Structures are given as structure tokens and as C-alpha cells.
Amino acid sequence: MCIVFLLILEYYREKEKKELKSMSNKKKEEERAWKARKENQKPHGKVKAFAELVEGTEKT
């Protein structure tokens, strides 16, 4: 009886370890995706080159 209990306990410990590992991998993937989206953002649109800015001031 005691051996069966220990085997069941070991099974659930291994299962929990696998779940934690897969959860941490999922978390890493989500963070990587978030960082990629964050780095690709251009909140103010395309940034003009200095020459384009100078041209804009000469016209006005």
C-alpha cells in the first residue's frame, strides 16, 4: 500500500514539473512576442529626415 502511494506521489510530482516547464516556455514566448511588437512600434509615424525638415521650413 505504501509503495503504491509513493508511486502515485512521484507521478504527480513529475506531472507538475512538466506543467511548470511548459508554462515557463509559454511565458517566454509571450514575452518575446511582446518585445517584438514593442520594438516595431512607431507611435508618431515615420520620422522625417533632417533634410526633409529643412525643406519644410524653407517653404514657409
PDB file of N, CA and C in Angstrom:
ATOM      1  N   MET A   1       0.828  -1.198   0.000  1.00  0.00           N
ATOM      2  CA  MET A   1       0.000   0.000   0.000  1.00  0.00           C
ATOM      3  C   MET A   1       0.871   1.260   0.000  1.00  0.00           C
ATOM      4  N   CYS A   2       1.886   1.263   0.815  1.00  0.00           N
ATOM      5  CA  CYS A   2       2.767   2.422   0.923  1.00  0.00           C
ATOM      6  C   CYS A   2       3.528   2.648  -0.394  1.00  0.00           C
ATOM      7  N   ILE A   3       3.927   1.571  -1.050  1.00  0.00           N
ATOM      8  CA  ILE A   3       4.655   1.677  -2.312  1.00  0.00           C
ATOM      9  C   ILE A   3       3.764   2.289  -3.389  1.00  0.00           C
ATOM     10  N   VAL A   4       2.518   1.895  -3.418  1.00  0.00           N
ATOM     11  CA  VAL A   4       1.569   2.441  -4.384  1.00  0.00           C
ATOM     12  C   VAL A   4       1.405   3.938  -4.156  1.00  0.00           C
ATOM     13  N   PHE A   5       1.299   4.348  -2.915  1.00  0.00           N
ATOM     14  CA  PHE A   5       1.158   5.762  -2.588  1.00  0.00           C
ATOM     15  C   PHE A   5       2.376   6.546  -3.073  1.00  0.00           C
ATOM     16  N   LEU A   6       3.572   5.997  -2.831  1.00  0.00           N
ATOM     17  CA  LEU A   6       4.794   6.682  -3.255  1.00  0.00           C
ATOM     18  C   LEU A   6       4.881   6.785  -4.778  1.00  0.00           C
ATOM     19  N   LEU A   7       4.459   5.741  -5.466  1.00  0.00           N
ATOM     20  CA  LEU A   7       4.460   5.786  -6.931  1.00  0.00           C
ATOM     21  C   LEU A   7       3.486   6.835  -7.460  1.00  0.00           C
ATOM     22  N   ILE A   8       2.322   6.908  -6.854  1.00  0.00           N
ATOM     23  CA  ILE A   8       1.333   7.914  -7.263  1.00  0.00           C
ATOM     24  C   ILE A   8       1.860   9.313  -6.981  1.00  0.00           C
ATOM     25  N   LEU A   9       2.466   9.490  -5.817  1.00  0.00           N
ATOM     26  CA  LEU A   9       3.033  10.784  -5.450  1.00  0.00           C
ATOM     27  C   LEU A   9       4.121  11.197  -6.444  1.00  0.00           C
ATOM     28  N   GLU A  10       4.990  10.273  -6.798  1.00  0.00           N
ATOM     29  CA  GLU A  10       6.057  10.551  -7.759  1.00  0.00           C
ATOM     30  C   GLU A  10       5.481  10.922  -9.129  1.00  0.00           C
ATOM     31  N   TYR A  11       4.437  10.228  -9.535  1.00  0.00           N
ATOM     32  CA  TYR A  11       3.786  10.513 -10.811  1.00  0.00           C
ATOM     33  C   TYR A  11       3.278  11.957 -10.847  1.00  0.00           C
ATOM     34  N   TYR A  12       2.597  12.368  -9.789  1.00  0.00           N
ATOM     35  CA  TYR A  12       2.049  13.721  -9.771  1.00  0.00           C
ATOM     36  C   TYR A  12       3.133  14.780  -9.665  1.00  0.00           C
ATOM     37  N   ARG A  13       4.231  14.476  -9.000  1.00  0.00           N
ATOM     38  CA  ARG A  13       5.346  15.427  -8.941  1.00  0.00           C
ATOM     39  C   ARG A  13       5.954  15.637 -10.328  1.00  0.00           C
ATOM     40  N   GLU A  14       6.156  14.545 -11.048  1.00  0.00           N
ATOM     41  CA  GLU A  14       6.701  14.647 -12.405  1.00  0.00           C
ATOM     42  C   GLU A  14       5.742  15.401 -13.324  1.00  0.00           C
ATOM     43  N   LYS A  15       4.461  15.120 -13.180  1.00  0.00           N
ATOM     44  CA  LYS A  15       3.456  15.803 -13.992  1.00  0.00           C
ATOM     45  C   LYS A  15       3.477  17.305 -13.715  1.00  0.00           C
ATOM     46  N   GLU A  16       3.600  17.668 -12.453  1.00  0.00           N
ATOM     47  CA  GLU A  16       3.639  19.083 -12.072  1.00  0.00           C
ATOM     48  C   GLU A  16       4.883  19.760 -12.632  1.00  0.00           C
ATOM     49  N   LYS A  17       6.023  19.071 -12.594  1.00  0.00           N
ATOM     50  CA  LYS A  17       7.255  19.639 -13.147  1.00  0.00           C
ATOM     51  C   LYS A  17       7.102  19.925 -14.636  1.00  0.00           C
ATOM     52  N   LYS A  18       6.497  18.980 -15.366  1.00  0.00           N
ATOM     53  CA  LYS A  18       6.301  19.166 -16.803  1.00  0.00           C
ATOM     54  C   LYS A  18       5.378  20.340 -17.082  1.00  0.00           C
ATOM     55  N   GLU A  19       4.324  20.475 -16.283  1.00  0.00           N
ATOM     56  CA  GLU A  19       3.388  21.586 -16.479  1.00  0.00           C
ATOM     57  C   GLU A  19       4.066  22.917 -16.211  1.00  0.00           C
ATOM     58  N   LEU A  20       4.882  22.979 -15.154  1.00  0.00           N
ATOM     59  CA  LEU A  20       5.582  24.221 -14.845  1.00  0.00           C
ATOM     60  C   LEU A  20       6.567  24.576 -15.952  1.00  0.00           C
ATOM     61  N   LYS A  21       7.238  23.565 -16.494  1.00  0.00           N
ATOM     62  CA  LYS A  21       8.195  23.814 -17.565  1.00  0.00           C
ATOM     63  C   LYS A  21       7.488  24.332 -18.808  1.00  0.00           C
ATOM     64  N   SER A  22       6.362  23.731 -19.155  1.00  0.00           N
ATOM     65  CA  SER A  22       5.637  24.189 -20.337  1.00  0.00           C
ATOM     66  C   SER A  22       5.049  25.575 -20.109  1.00  0.00           C
ATOM     67  N   MET A  23       4.645  25.874 -18.890  1.00  0.00           N
ATOM     68  CA  MET A  23       4.119  27.207 -18.594  1.00  0.00           C
ATOM     69  C   MET A  23       5.228  28.242 -18.712  1.00  0.00           C
ATOM     70  N   SER A  24       6.430  27.915 -18.241  1.00  0.00           N
ATOM     71  CA  SER A  24       7.511  28.879 -18.333  1.00  0.00           C
ATOM     72  C   SER A  24       7.911  29.100 -19.792  1.00  0.00           C
ATOM     73  N   ASN A  25       7.859  28.041 -20.609  1.00  0.00           N
ATOM     74  CA  ASN A  25       8.157  28.211 -22.032  1.00  0.00           C
ATOM     75  C   ASN A  25       7.114  29.103 -22.689  1.00  0.00           C
ATOM     76  N   LYS A  26       5.859  28.913 -22.338  1.00  0.00           N
ATOM     77  CA  LYS A  26       4.792  29.745 -22.892  1.00  0.00           C
ATOM     78  C   LYS A  26       4.997  31.200 -22.474  1.00  0.00           C
ATOM     79  N   LYS A  27       5.372  31.412 -21.230  1.00  0.00           N
ATOM     80  CA  LYS A  27       5.602  32.765 -20.727  1.00  0.00           C
ATOM     81  C   LYS A  27       6.745  33.431 -21.501  1.00  0.00           C
ATOM     82  N   LYS A  28       7.814  32.681 -21.752  1.00  0.00           N
ATOM     83  CA  LYS A  28       8.944  33.232 -22.506  1.00  0.00           C
ATOM     84  C   LYS A  28       8.524  33.606 -23.926  1.00  0.00           C
ATOM     85  N   GLU A  29       7.722  32.752 -24.557  1.00  0.00           N
ATOM     86  CA  GLU A  29       7.244  33.041 -25.910  1.00  0.00           C
ATOM     87  C   GLU A  29       6.389  34.302 -25.928  1.00  0.00           C
ATOM     88  N   GLU A  30       5.529  34.447 -24.924  1.00  0.00           N
ATOM     89  CA  GLU A  30       4.676  35.638 -24.855  1.00  0.00           C
ATOM     90  C   GLU A  30       5.513  36.891 -24.663  1.00  0.00           C
ATOM     91  N   GLU A  31       6.537  36.820 -23.805  1.00  0.00           N
ATOM     92  CA  GLU A  31       7.396  37.980 -23.583  1.00  0.00           C
ATOM     93  C   GLU A  31       8.174  38.340 -24.842  1.00  0.00           C
ATOM     94  N   ARG A  32       8.665  37.323 -25.565  1.00  0.00           N
ATOM     95  CA  ARG A  32       9.382  37.578 -26.810  1.00  0.00           C
ATOM     96  C   ARG A  32       8.484  38.263 -27.826  1.00  0.00           C
ATOM     97  N   ALA A  33       7.258  37.789 -27.938  1.00  0.00           N
ATOM     98  CA  ALA A  33       6.307  38.386 -28.885  1.00  0.00           C
ATOM     99  C   ALA A  33       5.986  39.819 -28.484  1.00  0.00           C
ATOM    100  N   TRP A  34       5.828  40.073 -27.189  1.00  0.00           N
ATOM    101  CA  TRP A  34       5.518  41.419 -26.706  1.00  0.00           C
ATOM    102  C   TRP A  34       6.672  42.362 -27.014  1.00  0.00           C
ATOM    103  N   LYS A  35       7.909  41.910 -26.766  1.00  0.00           N
ATOM    104  CA  LYS A  35       9.073  42.753 -27.042  1.00  0.00           C
ATOM    105  C   LYS A  35       9.188  43.061 -28.531  1.00  0.00           C
ATOM    106  N   ALA A  36       8.904  42.073 -29.372  1.00  0.00           N
ATOM    107  CA  ALA A  36       8.973  42.291 -30.820  1.00  0.00           C
ATOM    108  C   ALA A  36       7.942  43.330 -31.251  1.00  0.00           C
ATOM    109  N   ARG A  37       6.727  43.231 -30.717  1.00  0.00           N
ATOM    110  CA  ARG A  37       5.695  44.230 -31.053  1.00  0.00           C
ATOM    111  C   ARG A  37       6.109  45.604 -30.541  1.00  0.00           C
ATOM    112  N   LYS A  38       6.667  45.654 -29.352  1.00  0.00           N
ATOM    113  CA  LYS A  38       7.056  46.926 -28.750  1.00  0.00           C
ATOM    114  C   LYS A  38       8.173  47.593 -29.560  1.00  0.00           C
ATOM    115  N   GLU A  39       9.151  46.808 -30.010  1.00  0.00           N
ATOM    116  CA  GLU A  39      10.274  47.370 -30.762  1.00  0.00           C
ATOM    117  C   GLU A  39       9.866  47.844 -32.149  1.00  0.00           C
ATOM    118  N   ASN A  40       8.832  47.257 -32.729  1.00  0.00           N
ATOM    119  CA  ASN A  40       8.409  47.613 -34.085  1.00  0.00           C
ATOM    120  C   ASN A  40       7.411  48.761 -34.115  1.00  0.00           C
ATOM    121  N   GLN A  41       7.043  49.291 -32.972  1.00  0.00           N
ATOM    122  CA  GLN A  41       6.058  50.372 -32.945  1.00  0.00           C
ATOM    123  C   GLN A  41       6.668  51.682 -33.417  1.00  0.00           C
ATOM    124  N   LYS A  42       5.842  52.474 -34.095  1.00  0.00           N
ATOM    125  CA  LYS A  42       6.223  53.828 -34.491  1.00  0.00           C
ATOM    126  C   LYS A  42       5.066  54.731 -34.082  1.00  0.00           C
ATOM    127  N   PRO A  43       5.033  55.144 -32.817  1.00  0.00           N
ATOM    128  CA  PRO A  43       3.867  55.857 -32.302  1.00  0.00           C
ATOM    129  C   PRO A  43       3.619  57.214 -32.958  1.00  0.00           C
ATOM    130  N   HIS A  44       4.642  57.828 -33.517  1.00  0.00           N
ATOM    131  CA  HIS A  44       4.466  59.151 -34.114  1.00  0.00           C
ATOM    132  C   HIS A  44       4.571  59.101 -35.629  1.00  0.00           C
ATOM    133  N   GLY A  45       4.398  57.944 -36.195  1.00  0.00           N
ATOM    134  CA  GLY A  45       4.501  57.801 -37.639  1.00  0.00           C
ATOM    135  C   GLY A  45       5.949  57.752 -38.079  1.00  0.00           C
ATOM    136  N   LYS A  46       6.156  57.882 -39.372  1.00  0.00           N
ATOM    137  CA  LYS A  46       7.511  57.833 -39.912  1.00  0.00           C
ATOM    138  C   LYS A  46       8.263  59.099 -39.505  1.00  0.00           C
ATOM    139  N   VAL A  47       9.482  58.923 -39.041  1.00  0.00           N
ATOM    140  CA  VAL A  47      10.304  60.062 -38.635  1.00  0.00           C
ATOM    141  C   VAL A  47      10.948  60.652 -39.879  1.00  0.00           C
ATOM    142  N   LYS A  48      10.816  61.959 -40.028  1.00  0.00           N
ATOM    143  CA  LYS A  48      11.374  62.631 -41.200  1.00  0.00           C
ATOM    144  C   LYS A  48      12.880  62.787 -41.050  1.00  0.00           C
ATOM    145  N   ALA A  49      13.563  62.764 -42.180  1.00  0.00           N
ATOM    146  CA  ALA A  49      14.997  63.011 -42.202  1.00  0.00           C
ATOM    147  C   ALA A  49      15.228  64.505 -41.970  1.00  0.00           C
ATOM    148  N   PHE A  50      16.428  64.857 -41.544  1.00  0.00           N
ATOM    149  CA  PHE A  50      16.748  66.254 -41.272  1.00  0.00           C
ATOM    150  C   PHE A  50      16.575  67.107 -42.526  1.00  0.00           C
ATOM    151  N   ALA A  51      16.960  66.561 -43.680  1.00  0.00           N
ATOM    152  CA  ALA A  51      16.828  67.304 -44.943  1.00  0.00           C
ATOM    153  C   ALA A  51      15.359  67.609 -45.233  1.00  0.00           C
ATOM    154  N   GLU A  52      14.475  66.672 -44.951  1.00  0.00           N
ATOM    155  CA  GLU A  52      13.042  66.902 -45.167  1.00  0.00           C
ATOM    156  C   GLU A  52      12.523  67.989 -44.230  1.00  0.00           C
ATOM    157  N   LEU A  53      13.031  68.015 -43.015  1.00  0.00           N
ATOM    158  CA  LEU A  53      12.611  69.054 -42.072  1.00  0.00           C
ATOM    159  C   LEU A  53      13.076  70.429 -42.534  1.00  0.00           C
ATOM    160  N   VAL A  54      14.291  70.504 -43.050  1.00  0.00           N
ATOM    161  CA  VAL A  54      14.829  71.775 -43.547  1.00  0.00           C
ATOM    162  C   VAL A  54      14.011  72.254 -44.736  1.00  0.00           C
ATOM    163  N   GLU A  55      13.669  71.347 -45.644  1.00  0.00           N
ATOM    164  CA  GLU A  55      12.853  71.717 -46.802  1.00  0.00           C
ATOM    165  C   GLU A  55      11.504  72.265 -46.362  1.00  0.00           C
ATOM    166  N   GLY A  56      10.945  71.697 -45.345  1.00  0.00           N
ATOM    167  CA  GLY A  56       9.646  72.140 -44.845  1.00  0.00           C
ATOM    168  C   GLY A  56       9.710  73.537 -44.257  1.00  0.00           C
ATOM    169  N   THR A  57      10.815  73.914 -43.641  1.00  0.00           N
ATOM    170  CA  THR A  57      10.931  75.244 -43.041  1.00  0.00           C
ATOM    171  C   THR A  57      11.237  76.301 -44.087  1.00  0.00           C
ATOM    172  N   GLU A  58      11.909  75.927 -45.165  1.00  0.00           N
ATOM    173  CA  GLU A  58      12.230  76.897 -46.213  1.00  0.00           C
ATOM    174  C   GLU A  58      10.988  77.319 -46.980  1.00  0.00           C
ATOM    175  N   LYS A  59      10.013  76.421 -47.118  1.00  0.00           N
ATOM    176  CA  LYS A  59       8.812  76.722 -47.886  1.00  0.00           C
ATOM    177  C   LYS A  59       7.896  77.695 -47.156  1.00  0.00           C
ATOM    178  N   THR A  60       7.953  77.730 -45.859  1.00  0.00           N
ATOM    179  CA  THR A  60       7.036  78.608 -45.113  1.00  0.00           C
ATOM    180  C   THR A  60       7.648  79.899 -44.725  1.00  0.00           C
TER     181      THR A  60
END
